[in-house]
Amino acid sequence: MKTSIYNLLKARFLIDDDAIKNWRFIVFLIVLAIIMIANTQRYEQKVFKIAELTSEVKEMRSEFVDRRSELMKLRMESTVSEKMLEKEIFPSTVPPVKIKVKNEEEKSFLKKLWQ
């Protein structure tokens, strides 16, 4: 057992006759580790991007609510009437009247001839 530990510490398994198998396995483990590190980094980048986009969505939603409330305030009749008073346009005292247009019945070709 002492010789096997001694051989392991001297890395004899890397220079023996059948070391090719060991080197292949070591290279495989290194490639696998590199792939895992790259995958973890890509995952973390996506998590950061998702967090950034989430905060951006919250900002835009709050801005939308602010703009909508401003628009509602500007559309109020009192705000519009105040702006019109500055331009000396006053509200009407007479209520509007609905205009109804009567369509004439279309006369047939024969009725048009006899007129």
PDB file of N, CA and C in Angstrom:
ATOM      1  N   MET A   1       0.829  -1.185   0.000  1.00  0.00           N
ATOM      2  CA  MET A   1       0.000   0.000   0.000  1.00  0.00           C
ATOM      3  C   MET A   1       0.876   1.252   0.000  1.00  0.00           C
ATOM      4  N   LYS A   2       1.999   1.152   0.699  1.00  0.00           N
ATOM      5  CA  LYS A   2       2.905   2.285   0.752  1.00  0.00           C
ATOM      6  C   LYS A   2       3.463   2.601  -0.634  1.00  0.00           C
ATOM      7  N   THR A   3       3.725   1.582  -1.396  1.00  0.00           N
ATOM      8  CA  THR A   3       4.245   1.812  -2.748  1.00  0.00           C
ATOM      9  C   THR A   3       3.183   2.418  -3.657  1.00  0.00           C
ATOM     10  N   SER A   4       1.913   2.061  -3.485  1.00  0.00           N
ATOM     11  CA  SER A   4       0.858   2.623  -4.339  1.00  0.00           C
ATOM     12  C   SER A   4       0.655   4.107  -4.033  1.00  0.00           C
ATOM     13  N   ILE A   5       0.733   4.487  -2.769  1.00  0.00           N
ATOM     14  CA  ILE A   5       0.622   5.907  -2.429  1.00  0.00           C
ATOM     15  C   ILE A   5       1.830   6.664  -2.964  1.00  0.00           C
ATOM     16  N   TYR A   6       2.998   6.022  -2.829  1.00  0.00           N
ATOM     17  CA  TYR A   6       4.227   6.639  -3.326  1.00  0.00           C
ATOM     18  C   TYR A   6       4.161   6.825  -4.842  1.00  0.00           C
ATOM     19  N   ASN A   7       3.640   5.816  -5.569  1.00  0.00           N
ATOM     20  CA  ASN A   7       3.483   5.910  -7.027  1.00  0.00           C
ATOM     21  C   ASN A   7       2.456   6.977  -7.410  1.00  0.00           C
ATOM     22  N   LEU A   8       1.427   7.085  -6.610  1.00  0.00           N
ATOM     23  CA  LEU A   8       0.397   8.095  -6.873  1.00  0.00           C
ATOM     24  C   LEU A   8       0.972   9.501  -6.692  1.00  0.00           C
ATOM     25  N   LEU A   9       1.761   9.691  -5.643  1.00  0.00           N
ATOM     26  CA  LEU A   9       2.359  10.997  -5.404  1.00  0.00           C
ATOM     27  C   LEU A   9       3.395  11.357  -6.472  1.00  0.00           C
ATOM     28  N   LYS A  10       4.091  10.376  -6.984  1.00  0.00           N
ATOM     29  CA  LYS A  10       5.072  10.633  -8.038  1.00  0.00           C
ATOM     30  C   LYS A  10       4.425  10.695  -9.425  1.00  0.00           C
ATOM     31  N   ALA A  11       3.112  10.434  -9.492  1.00  0.00           N
ATOM     32  CA  ALA A  11       2.329  10.467 -10.732  1.00  0.00           C
ATOM     33  C   ALA A  11       2.839   9.444 -11.734  1.00  0.00           C
ATOM     34  N   ARG A  12       3.133   8.265 -11.264  1.00  0.00           N
ATOM     35  CA  ARG A  12       3.591   7.193 -12.155  1.00  0.00           C
ATOM     36  C   ARG A  12       2.479   6.754 -13.115  1.00  0.00           C
ATOM     37  N   PHE A  13       1.214   6.956 -12.700  1.00  0.00           N
ATOM     38  CA  PHE A  13       0.104   6.549 -13.566  1.00  0.00           C
ATOM     39  C   PHE A  13       0.041   7.396 -14.831  1.00  0.00           C
ATOM     40  N   LEU A  14       0.758   8.517 -14.854  1.00  0.00           N
ATOM     41  CA  LEU A  14       0.765   9.369 -16.044  1.00  0.00           C
ATOM     42  C   LEU A  14       1.904   9.049 -17.002  1.00  0.00           C
ATOM     43  N   ILE A  15       2.900   8.293 -16.527  1.00  0.00           N
ATOM     44  CA  ILE A  15       4.037   8.015 -17.414  1.00  0.00           C
ATOM     45  C   ILE A  15       4.258   6.525 -17.645  1.00  0.00           C
ATOM     46  N   ASP A  16       3.398   5.690 -17.132  1.00  0.00           N
ATOM     47  CA  ASP A  16       3.514   4.255 -17.367  1.00  0.00           C
ATOM     48  C   ASP A  16       3.169   3.926 -18.806  1.00  0.00           C
ATOM     49  N   ASP A  17       3.261   2.620 -19.129  1.00  0.00           N
ATOM     50  CA  ASP A  17       2.985   2.165 -20.494  1.00  0.00           C
ATOM     51  C   ASP A  17       1.522   2.379 -20.899  1.00  0.00           C
ATOM     52  N   ASP A  18       0.589   2.176 -19.990  1.00  0.00           N
ATOM     53  CA  ASP A  18      -0.838   2.340 -20.322  1.00  0.00           C
ATOM     54  C   ASP A  18      -1.359   3.712 -19.856  1.00  0.00           C
ATOM     55  N   ALA A  19      -0.513   4.717 -19.881  1.00  0.00           N
ATOM     56  CA  ALA A  19      -0.866   6.062 -19.417  1.00  0.00           C
ATOM     57  C   ALA A  19      -1.830   6.770 -20.369  1.00  0.00           C
ATOM     58  N   ILE A  20      -1.906   6.302 -21.618  1.00  0.00           N
ATOM     59  CA  ILE A  20      -2.797   6.937 -22.607  1.00  0.00           C
ATOM     60  C   ILE A  20      -4.237   6.912 -22.114  1.00  0.00           C
ATOM     61  N   LYS A  21      -4.671   5.795 -21.524  1.00  0.00           N
ATOM     62  CA  LYS A  21      -6.040   5.702 -20.999  1.00  0.00           C
ATOM     63  C   LYS A  21      -6.252   6.741 -19.897  1.00  0.00           C
ATOM     64  N   ASN A  22      -5.278   6.865 -19.050  1.00  0.00           N
ATOM     65  CA  ASN A  22      -5.397   7.828 -17.947  1.00  0.00           C
ATOM     66  C   ASN A  22      -5.428   9.267 -18.467  1.00  0.00           C
ATOM     67  N   TRP A  23      -4.578   9.564 -19.456  1.00  0.00           N
ATOM     68  CA  TRP A  23      -4.557  10.903 -20.023  1.00  0.00           C
ATOM     69  C   TRP A  23      -5.879  11.240 -20.710  1.00  0.00           C
ATOM     70  N   ARG A  24      -6.451  10.268 -21.403  1.00  0.00           N
ATOM     71  CA  ARG A  24      -7.753  10.495 -22.046  1.00  0.00           C
ATOM     72  C   ARG A  24      -8.808  10.836 -21.008  1.00  0.00           C
ATOM     73  N   PHE A  25      -8.817  10.090 -19.915  1.00  0.00           N
ATOM     74  CA  PHE A  25      -9.793  10.333 -18.866  1.00  0.00           C
ATOM     75  C   PHE A  25      -9.573  11.706 -18.225  1.00  0.00           C
ATOM     76  N   ILE A  26      -8.309  12.082 -18.002  1.00  0.00           N
ATOM     77  CA  ILE A  26      -8.008  13.385 -17.403  1.00  0.00           C
ATOM     78  C   ILE A  26      -8.426  14.509 -18.344  1.00  0.00           C
ATOM     79  N   VAL A  27      -8.149  14.366 -19.633  1.00  0.00           N
ATOM     80  CA  VAL A  27      -8.562  15.385 -20.609  1.00  0.00           C
ATOM     81  C   VAL A  27     -10.085  15.471 -20.668  1.00  0.00           C
ATOM     82  N   PHE A  28     -10.735  14.305 -20.620  1.00  0.00           N
ATOM     83  CA  PHE A  28     -12.204  14.302 -20.599  1.00  0.00           C
ATOM     84  C   PHE A  28     -12.729  15.060 -19.389  1.00  0.00           C
ATOM     85  N   LEU A  29     -12.148  14.827 -18.220  1.00  0.00           N
ATOM     86  CA  LEU A  29     -12.588  15.534 -17.011  1.00  0.00           C
ATOM     87  C   LEU A  29     -12.336  17.040 -17.115  1.00  0.00           C
ATOM     88  N   ILE A  30     -11.205  17.428 -17.710  1.00  0.00           N
ATOM     89  CA  ILE A  30     -10.903  18.856 -17.876  1.00  0.00           C
ATOM     90  C   ILE A  30     -11.906  19.515 -18.819  1.00  0.00           C
ATOM     91  N   VAL A  31     -12.199  18.861 -19.935  1.00  0.00           N
ATOM     92  CA  VAL A  31     -13.180  19.400 -20.895  1.00  0.00           C
ATOM     93  C   VAL A  31     -14.551  19.496 -20.246  1.00  0.00           C
ATOM     94  N   LEU A  32     -14.911  18.471 -19.493  1.00  0.00           N
ATOM     95  CA  LEU A  32     -16.195  18.483 -18.795  1.00  0.00           C
ATOM     96  C   LEU A  32     -16.258  19.636 -17.785  1.00  0.00           C
ATOM     97  N   ALA A  33     -15.183  19.874 -17.067  1.00  0.00           N
ATOM     98  CA  ALA A  33     -15.147  20.981 -16.103  1.00  0.00           C
ATOM     99  C   ALA A  33     -15.266  22.322 -16.811  1.00  0.00           C
ATOM    100  N   ILE A  34     -14.587  22.470 -17.956  1.00  0.00           N
ATOM    101  CA  ILE A  34     -14.663  23.725 -18.707  1.00  0.00           C
ATOM    102  C   ILE A  34     -16.091  23.959 -19.200  1.00  0.00           C
ATOM    103  N   ILE A  35     -16.736  22.910 -19.681  1.00  0.00           N
ATOM    104  CA  ILE A  35     -18.123  23.031 -20.146  1.00  0.00           C
ATOM    105  C   ILE A  35     -19.035  23.419 -19.001  1.00  0.00           C
ATOM    106  N   MET A  36     -18.844  22.819 -17.840  1.00  0.00           N
ATOM    107  CA  MET A  36     -19.679  23.155 -16.686  1.00  0.00           C
ATOM    108  C   MET A  36     -19.473  24.599 -16.241  1.00  0.00           C
ATOM    109  N   ILE A  37     -18.234  25.075 -16.262  1.00  0.00           N
ATOM    110  CA  ILE A  37     -17.951  26.466 -15.876  1.00  0.00           C
ATOM    111  C   ILE A  37     -18.593  27.430 -16.865  1.00  0.00           C
ATOM    112  N   ALA A  38     -18.473  27.131 -18.162  1.00  0.00           N
ATOM    113  CA  ALA A  38     -19.079  27.997 -19.184  1.00  0.00           C
ATOM    114  C   ALA A  38     -20.598  28.001 -19.057  1.00  0.00           C
ATOM    115  N   ASN A  39     -21.176  26.836 -18.797  1.00  0.00           N
ATOM    116  CA  ASN A  39     -22.623  26.745 -18.646  1.00  0.00           C
ATOM    117  C   ASN A  39     -23.092  27.545 -17.435  1.00  0.00           C
ATOM    118  N   THR A  40     -22.366  27.466 -16.339  1.00  0.00           N
ATOM    119  CA  THR A  40     -22.728  28.220 -15.139  1.00  0.00           C
ATOM    120  C   THR A  40     -22.640  29.718 -15.392  1.00  0.00           C
ATOM    121  N   GLN A  41     -21.608  30.139 -16.116  1.00  0.00           N
ATOM    122  CA  GLN A  41     -21.465  31.563 -16.407  1.00  0.00           C
ATOM    123  C   GLN A  41     -22.612  32.059 -17.286  1.00  0.00           C
ATOM    124  N   ARG A  42     -22.981  31.304 -18.299  1.00  0.00           N
ATOM    125  CA  ARG A  42     -24.109  31.694 -19.159  1.00  0.00           C
ATOM    126  C   ARG A  42     -25.404  31.768 -18.366  1.00  0.00           C
ATOM    127  N   TYR A  43     -25.585  30.816 -17.437  1.00  0.00           N
ATOM    128  CA  TYR A  43     -26.778  30.811 -16.597  1.00  0.00           C
ATOM    129  C   TYR A  43     -26.824  32.075 -15.735  1.00  0.00           C
ATOM    130  N   GLU A  44     -25.700  32.437 -15.138  1.00  0.00           N
ATOM    131  CA  GLU A  44     -25.663  33.629 -14.300  1.00  0.00           C
ATOM    132  C   GLU A  44     -25.900  34.890 -15.125  1.00  0.00           C
ATOM    133  N   GLN A  45     -25.362  34.935 -16.348  1.00  0.00           N
ATOM    134  CA  GLN A  45     -25.612  36.088 -17.218  1.00  0.00           C
ATOM    135  C   GLN A  45     -27.098  36.219 -17.517  1.00  0.00           C
ATOM    136  N   LYS A  46     -27.752  35.100 -17.768  1.00  0.00           N
ATOM    137  CA  LYS A  46     -29.191  35.146 -18.046  1.00  0.00           C
ATOM    138  C   LYS A  46     -29.967  35.588 -16.820  1.00  0.00           C
ATOM    139  N   VAL A  47     -29.559  35.143 -15.643  1.00  0.00           N
ATOM    140  CA  VAL A  47     -30.240  35.560 -14.413  1.00  0.00           C
ATOM    141  C   VAL A  47     -30.098  37.065 -14.215  1.00  0.00           C
ATOM    142  N   PHE A  48     -28.886  37.604 -14.446  1.00  0.00           N
ATOM    143  CA  PHE A  48     -28.685  39.045 -14.317  1.00  0.00           C
ATOM    144  C   PHE A  48     -29.510  39.807 -15.346  1.00  0.00           C
ATOM    145  N   LYS A  49     -29.579  39.292 -16.559  1.00  0.00           N
ATOM    146  CA  LYS A  49     -30.365  39.945 -17.611  1.00  0.00           C
ATOM    147  C   LYS A  49     -31.854  39.939 -17.252  1.00  0.00           C
ATOM    148  N   ILE A  50     -32.332  38.828 -16.703  1.00  0.00           N
ATOM    149  CA  ILE A  50     -33.738  38.747 -16.299  1.00  0.00           C
ATOM    150  C   ILE A  50     -34.019  39.743 -15.187  1.00  0.00           C
ATOM    151  N   ALA A  51     -33.119  39.857 -14.218  1.00  0.00           N
ATOM    152  CA  ALA A  51     -33.304  40.822 -13.130  1.00  0.00           C
ATOM    153  C   ALA A  51     -33.310  42.247 -13.663  1.00  0.00           C
ATOM    154  N   GLU A  52     -32.432  42.537 -14.600  1.00  0.00           N
ATOM    155  CA  GLU A  52     -32.370  43.867 -15.199  1.00  0.00           C
ATOM    156  C   GLU A  52     -33.658  44.185 -15.959  1.00  0.00           C
ATOM    157  N   LEU A  53     -34.127  43.225 -16.745  1.00  0.00           N
ATOM    158  CA  LEU A  53     -35.358  43.443 -17.512  1.00  0.00           C
ATOM    159  C   LEU A  53     -36.573  43.579 -16.588  1.00  0.00           C
ATOM    160  N   THR A  54     -36.576  42.832 -15.490  1.00  0.00           N
ATOM    161  CA  THR A  54     -37.683  42.934 -14.542  1.00  0.00           C
ATOM    162  C   THR A  54     -37.737  44.328 -13.926  1.00  0.00           C
ATOM    163  N   SER A  55     -36.582  44.847 -13.547  1.00  0.00           N
ATOM    164  CA  SER A  55     -36.570  46.197 -12.975  1.00  0.00           C
ATOM    165  C   SER A  55     -36.974  47.229 -14.030  1.00  0.00           C
ATOM    166  N   GLU A  56     -36.566  47.012 -15.284  1.00  0.00           N
ATOM    167  CA  GLU A  56     -36.947  47.930 -16.358  1.00  0.00           C
ATOM    168  C   GLU A  56     -38.463  47.897 -16.598  1.00  0.00           C
ATOM    169  N   VAL A  57     -39.040  46.715 -16.519  1.00  0.00           N
ATOM    170  CA  VAL A  57     -40.490  46.590 -16.692  1.00  0.00           C
ATOM    171  C   VAL A  57     -41.214  47.322 -15.570  1.00  0.00           C
ATOM    172  N   LYS A  58     -40.713  47.197 -14.337  1.00  0.00           N
ATOM    173  CA  LYS A  58     -41.341  47.901 -13.212  1.00  0.00           C
ATOM    174  C   LYS A  58     -41.263  49.414 -13.405  1.00  0.00           C
ATOM    175  N   GLU A  59     -40.108  49.903 -13.876  1.00  0.00           N
ATOM    176  CA  GLU A  59     -39.968  51.333 -14.133  1.00  0.00           C
ATOM    177  C   GLU A  59     -40.944  51.793 -15.209  1.00  0.00           C
ATOM    178  N   MET A  60     -41.023  51.034 -16.290  1.00  0.00           N
ATOM    179  CA  MET A  60     -41.918  51.422 -17.384  1.00  0.00           C
ATOM    180  C   MET A  60     -43.379  51.360 -16.959  1.00  0.00           C
ATOM    181  N   ARG A  61     -43.728  50.380 -16.131  1.00  0.00           N
ATOM    182  CA  ARG A  61     -45.107  50.282 -15.663  1.00  0.00           C
ATOM    183  C   ARG A  61     -45.453  51.488 -14.794  1.00  0.00           C
ATOM    184  N   SER A  62     -44.532  51.893 -13.922  1.00  0.00           N
ATOM    185  CA  SER A  62     -44.808  53.058 -13.074  1.00  0.00           C
ATOM    186  C   SER A  62     -44.886  54.329 -13.920  1.00  0.00           C
ATOM    187  N   GLU A  63     -44.028  54.436 -14.930  1.00  0.00           N
ATOM    188  CA  GLU A  63     -44.092  55.587 -15.829  1.00  0.00           C
ATOM    189  C   GLU A  63     -45.410  55.603 -16.590  1.00  0.00           C
ATOM    190  N   PHE A  64     -45.875  54.429 -17.012  1.00  0.00           N
ATOM    191  CA  PHE A  64     -47.161  54.335 -17.712  1.00  0.00           C
ATOM    192  C   PHE A  64     -48.297  54.809 -16.819  1.00  0.00           C
ATOM    193  N   VAL A  65     -48.284  54.388 -15.556  1.00  0.00           N
ATOM    194  CA  VAL A  65     -49.337  54.800 -14.634  1.00  0.00           C
ATOM    195  C   VAL A  65     -49.297  56.302 -14.417  1.00  0.00           C
ATOM    196  N   ASP A  66     -48.091  56.873 -14.288  1.00  0.00           N
ATOM    197  CA  ASP A  66     -47.969  58.325 -14.122  1.00  0.00           C
ATOM    198  C   ASP A  66     -48.514  59.060 -15.335  1.00  0.00           C
ATOM    199  N   ARG A  67     -48.120  58.610 -16.520  1.00  0.00           N
ATOM    200  CA  ARG A  67     -48.595  59.276 -17.751  1.00  0.00           C
ATOM    201  C   ARG A  67     -50.110  59.152 -17.906  1.00  0.00           C
ATOM    202  N   ARG A  68     -50.635  57.990 -17.556  1.00  0.00           N
ATOM    203  CA  ARG A  68     -52.083  57.799 -17.677  1.00  0.00           C
ATOM    204  C   ARG A  68     -52.829  58.723 -16.723  1.00  0.00           C
ATOM    205  N   SER A  69     -52.318  58.877 -15.497  1.00  0.00           N
ATOM    206  CA  SER A  69     -52.983  59.779 -14.556  1.00  0.00           C
ATOM    207  C   SER A  69     -52.884  61.232 -15.025  1.00  0.00           C
ATOM    208  N   GLU A  70     -51.726  61.624 -15.597  1.00  0.00           N
ATOM    209  CA  GLU A  70     -51.603  62.969 -16.154  1.00  0.00           C
ATOM    210  C   GLU A  70     -52.607  63.185 -17.288  1.00  0.00           C
ATOM    211  N   LEU A  71     -52.738  62.188 -18.146  1.00  0.00           N
ATOM    212  CA  LEU A  71     -53.679  62.298 -19.262  1.00  0.00           C
ATOM    213  C   LEU A  71     -55.110  62.412 -18.759  1.00  0.00           C
ATOM    214  N   MET A  72     -55.450  61.624 -17.756  1.00  0.00           N
ATOM    215  CA  MET A  72     -56.807  61.703 -17.204  1.00  0.00           C
ATOM    216  C   MET A  72     -57.070  63.096 -16.634  1.00  0.00           C
ATOM    217  N   LYS A  73     -56.062  63.668 -15.991  1.00  0.00           N
ATOM    218  CA  LYS A  73     -56.221  65.006 -15.435  1.00  0.00           C
ATOM    219  C   LYS A  73     -56.383  66.034 -16.551  1.00  0.00           C
ATOM    220  N   LEU A  74     -55.605  65.903 -17.620  1.00  0.00           N
ATOM    221  CA  LEU A  74     -55.698  66.851 -18.730  1.00  0.00           C
ATOM    222  C   LEU A  74     -57.015  66.738 -19.489  1.00  0.00           C
ATOM    223  N   ARG A  75     -57.618  65.564 -19.472  1.00  0.00           N
ATOM    224  CA  ARG A  75     -58.863  65.355 -20.214  1.00  0.00           C
ATOM    225  C   ARG A  75     -60.096  65.794 -19.433  1.00  0.00           C
ATOM    226  N   MET A  76     -59.909  66.129 -18.180  1.00  0.00           N
ATOM    227  CA  MET A  76     -61.063  66.542 -17.371  1.00  0.00           C
ATOM    228  C   MET A  76     -61.650  67.839 -17.920  1.00  0.00           C
ATOM    229  N   GLU A  77     -62.961  67.970 -17.796  1.00  0.00           N
ATOM    230  CA  GLU A  77     -63.640  69.133 -18.349  1.00  0.00           C
ATOM    231  C   GLU A  77     -63.177  70.426 -17.693  1.00  0.00           C
ATOM    232  N   SER A  78     -62.897  70.376 -16.406  1.00  0.00           N
ATOM    233  CA  SER A  78     -62.459  71.594 -15.715  1.00  0.00           C
ATOM    234  C   SER A  78     -61.099  72.058 -16.240  1.00  0.00           C
ATOM    235  N   THR A  79     -60.197  71.130 -16.485  1.00  0.00           N
ATOM    236  CA  THR A  79     -58.878  71.503 -17.013  1.00  0.00           C
ATOM    237  C   THR A  79     -59.006  72.077 -18.417  1.00  0.00           C
ATOM    238  N   VAL A  80     -59.837  71.457 -19.235  1.00  0.00           N
ATOM    239  CA  VAL A  80     -60.024  71.944 -20.606  1.00  0.00           C
ATOM    240  C   VAL A  80     -60.666  73.328 -20.592  1.00  0.00           C
ATOM    241  N   SER A  81     -61.658  73.532 -19.732  1.00  0.00           N
ATOM    242  CA  SER A  81     -62.317  74.844 -19.693  1.00  0.00           C
ATOM    243  C   SER A  81     -61.361  75.928 -19.200  1.00  0.00           C
ATOM    244  N   GLU A  82     -60.471  75.598 -18.254  1.00  0.00           N
ATOM    245  CA  GLU A  82     -59.483  76.574 -17.807  1.00  0.00           C
ATOM    246  C   GLU A  82     -58.541  76.970 -18.948  1.00  0.00           C
ATOM    247  N   LYS A  83     -58.124  75.991 -19.717  1.00  0.00           N
ATOM    248  CA  LYS A  83     -57.224  76.285 -20.844  1.00  0.00           C
ATOM    249  C   LYS A  83     -57.945  77.126 -21.908  1.00  0.00           C
ATOM    250  N   MET A  84     -59.225  76.872 -22.104  1.00  0.00           N
ATOM    251  CA  MET A  84     -59.975  77.626 -23.105  1.00  0.00           C
ATOM    252  C   MET A  84     -60.240  79.058 -22.644  1.00  0.00           C
ATOM    253  N   LEU A  85     -60.385  79.266 -21.329  1.00  0.00           N
ATOM    254  CA  LEU A  85     -60.578  80.631 -20.823  1.00  0.00           C
ATOM    255  C   LEU A  85     -59.347  81.485 -21.086  1.00  0.00           C
ATOM    256  N   GLU A  86     -58.172  80.892 -21.049  1.00  0.00           N
ATOM    257  CA  GLU A  86     -56.949  81.630 -21.366  1.00  0.00           C
ATOM    258  C   GLU A  86     -56.976  82.118 -22.806  1.00  0.00           C
ATOM    259  N   LYS A  87     -57.589  81.355 -23.691  1.00  0.00           N
ATOM    260  CA  LYS A  87     -57.667  81.734 -25.101  1.00  0.00           C
ATOM    261  C   LYS A  87     -58.961  82.486 -25.422  1.00  0.00           C
ATOM    262  N   GLU A  88     -59.684  82.826 -24.376  1.00  0.00           N
ATOM    263  CA  GLU A  88     -60.957  83.546 -24.475  1.00  0.00           C
ATOM    264  C   GLU A  88     -62.004  82.786 -25.272  1.00  0.00           C
ATOM    265  N   ILE A  89     -62.033  81.506 -25.039  1.00  0.00           N
ATOM    266  CA  ILE A  89     -63.096  80.669 -25.606  1.00  0.00           C
ATOM    267  C   ILE A  89     -63.927  80.200 -24.426  1.00  0.00           C
ATOM    268  N   PHE A  90     -65.206  80.582 -24.422  1.00  0.00           N
ATOM    269  CA  PHE A  90     -66.049  80.309 -23.270  1.00  0.00           C
ATOM    270  C   PHE A  90     -66.981  79.140 -23.556  1.00  0.00           C
ATOM    271  N   PRO A  91     -67.413  78.447 -22.505  1.00  0.00           N
ATOM    272  CA  PRO A  91     -68.345  77.332 -22.728  1.00  0.00           C
ATOM    273  C   PRO A  91     -69.696  77.846 -23.224  1.00  0.00           C
ATOM    274  N   SER A  92     -70.370  77.041 -23.965  1.00  0.00           N
ATOM    275  CA  SER A  92     -71.667  77.407 -24.538  1.00  0.00           C
ATOM    276  C   SER A  92     -72.732  77.390 -23.453  1.00  0.00           C
ATOM    277  N   THR A  93     -73.614  78.379 -23.536  1.00  0.00           N
ATOM    278  CA  THR A  93     -74.742  78.405 -22.596  1.00  0.00           C
ATOM    279  C   THR A  93     -75.947  77.704 -23.182  1.00  0.00           C
ATOM    280  N   VAL A  94     -75.942  77.535 -24.494  1.00  0.00           N
ATOM    281  CA  VAL A  94     -77.039  76.865 -25.186  1.00  0.00           C
ATOM    282  C   VAL A  94     -76.634  75.411 -25.402  1.00  0.00           C
ATOM    283  N   PRO A  95     -77.480  74.491 -25.000  1.00  0.00           N
ATOM    284  CA  PRO A  95     -77.123  73.081 -25.207  1.00  0.00           C
ATOM    285  C   PRO A  95     -77.099  72.744 -26.693  1.00  0.00           C
ATOM    286  N   PRO A  96     -76.331  71.775 -27.072  1.00  0.00           N
ATOM    287  CA  PRO A  96     -76.264  71.414 -28.494  1.00  0.00           C
ATOM    288  C   PRO A  96     -77.572  70.788 -28.980  1.00  0.00           C
ATOM    289  N   VAL A  97     -77.820  70.936 -30.261  1.00  0.00           N
ATOM    290  CA  VAL A  97     -79.033  70.401 -30.881  1.00  0.00           C
ATOM    291  C   VAL A  97     -78.605  69.322 -31.859  1.00  0.00           C
ATOM    292  N   LYS A  98     -79.294  68.230 -31.805  1.00  0.00           N
ATOM    293  CA  LYS A  98     -78.970  67.135 -32.700  1.00  0.00           C
ATOM    294  C   LYS A  98     -79.649  67.380 -34.045  1.00  0.00           C
ATOM    295  N   ILE A  99     -78.901  67.264 -35.094  1.00  0.00           N
ATOM    296  CA  ILE A  99     -79.423  67.496 -36.437  1.00  0.00           C
ATOM    297  C   ILE A  99     -79.729  66.141 -37.058  1.00  0.00           C
ATOM    298  N   LYS A 100     -80.948  65.998 -37.508  1.00  0.00           N
ATOM    299  CA  LYS A 100     -81.353  64.749 -38.155  1.00  0.00           C
ATOM    300  C   LYS A 100     -81.532  65.008 -39.639  1.00  0.00           C
ATOM    301  N   VAL A 101     -80.955  64.181 -40.430  1.00  0.00           N
ATOM    302  CA  VAL A 101     -81.045  64.309 -41.885  1.00  0.00           C
ATOM    303  C   VAL A 101     -81.959  63.201 -42.373  1.00  0.00           C
ATOM    304  N   LYS A 102     -82.972  63.586 -43.128  1.00  0.00           N
ATOM    305  CA  LYS A 102     -83.903  62.605 -43.684  1.00  0.00           C
ATOM    306  C   LYS A 102     -83.441  62.225 -45.068  1.00  0.00           C
ATOM    307  N   ASN A 103     -83.290  60.975 -45.265  1.00  0.00           N
ATOM    308  CA  ASN A 103     -82.901  60.476 -46.581  1.00  0.00           C
ATOM    309  C   ASN A 103     -84.122  60.390 -47.472  1.00  0.00           C
ATOM    310  N   GLU A 104     -83.978  60.900 -48.658  1.00  0.00           N
ATOM    311  CA  GLU A 104     -85.083  60.798 -49.609  1.00  0.00           C
ATOM    312  C   GLU A 104     -85.115  59.378 -50.146  1.00  0.00           C
ATOM    313  N   GLU A 105     -86.315  58.903 -50.332  1.00  0.00           N
ATOM    314  CA  GLU A 105     -86.443  57.565 -50.896  1.00  0.00           C
ATOM    315  C   GLU A 105     -86.005  57.614 -52.346  1.00  0.00           C
ATOM    316  N   GLU A 106     -85.242  56.671 -52.718  1.00  0.00           N
ATOM    317  CA  GLU A 106     -84.790  56.643 -54.103  1.00  0.00           C
ATOM    318  C   GLU A 106     -85.945  56.165 -54.984  1.00  0.00           C
ATOM    319  N   LYS A 107     -86.164  56.895 -56.003  1.00  0.00           N
ATOM    320  CA  LYS A 107     -87.264  56.568 -56.900  1.00  0.00           C
ATOM    321  C   LYS A 107     -86.780  55.607 -57.964  1.00  0.00           C
ATOM    322  N   SER A 108     -87.642  54.772 -58.338  1.00  0.00           N
ATOM    323  CA  SER A 108     -87.277  53.818 -59.371  1.00  0.00           C
ATOM    324  C   SER A 108     -87.141  54.539 -60.715  1.00  0.00           C
ATOM    325  N   PHE A 109     -86.631  53.849 -61.646  1.00  0.00           N
ATOM    326  CA  PHE A 109     -86.383  54.407 -62.964  1.00  0.00           C
ATOM    327  C   PHE A 109     -87.679  54.858 -63.631  1.00  0.00           C
ATOM    328  N   LEU A 110     -88.722  54.098 -63.469  1.00  0.00           N
ATOM    329  CA  LEU A 110     -90.014  54.457 -64.110  1.00  0.00           C
ATOM    330  C   LEU A 110     -90.630  55.679 -63.463  1.00  0.00           C
ATOM    331  N   LYS A 111     -90.511  55.806 -62.145  1.00  0.00           N
ATOM    332  CA  LYS A 111     -91.076  56.973 -61.473  1.00  0.00           C
ATOM    333  C   LYS A 111     -90.318  58.232 -61.865  1.00  0.00           C
ATOM    334  N   LYS A 112     -89.054  58.104 -62.095  1.00  0.00           N
ATOM    335  CA  LYS A 112     -88.275  59.278 -62.516  1.00  0.00           C
ATOM    336  C   LYS A 112     -88.693  59.717 -63.923  1.00  0.00           C
ATOM    337  N   LEU A 113     -89.035  58.796 -64.757  1.00  0.00           N
ATOM    338  CA  LEU A 113     -89.456  59.135 -66.124  1.00  0.00           C
ATOM    339  C   LEU A 113     -90.782  59.875 -66.138  1.00  0.00           C
ATOM    340  N   TRP A 114     -91.701  59.519 -65.238  1.00  0.00           N
ATOM    341  CA  TRP A 114     -93.035  60.111 -65.254  1.00  0.00           C
ATOM    342  C   TRP A 114     -93.069  61.440 -64.531  1.00  0.00           C
ATOM    343  N   GLN A 115     -92.034  61.884 -63.924  1.00  0.00           N
ATOM    344  CA  GLN A 115     -92.054  63.175 -63.255  1.00  0.00           C
ATOM    345  C   GLN A 115     -91.755  64.288 -64.200  1.00  0.00           C
TER     346      GLN A 115
END
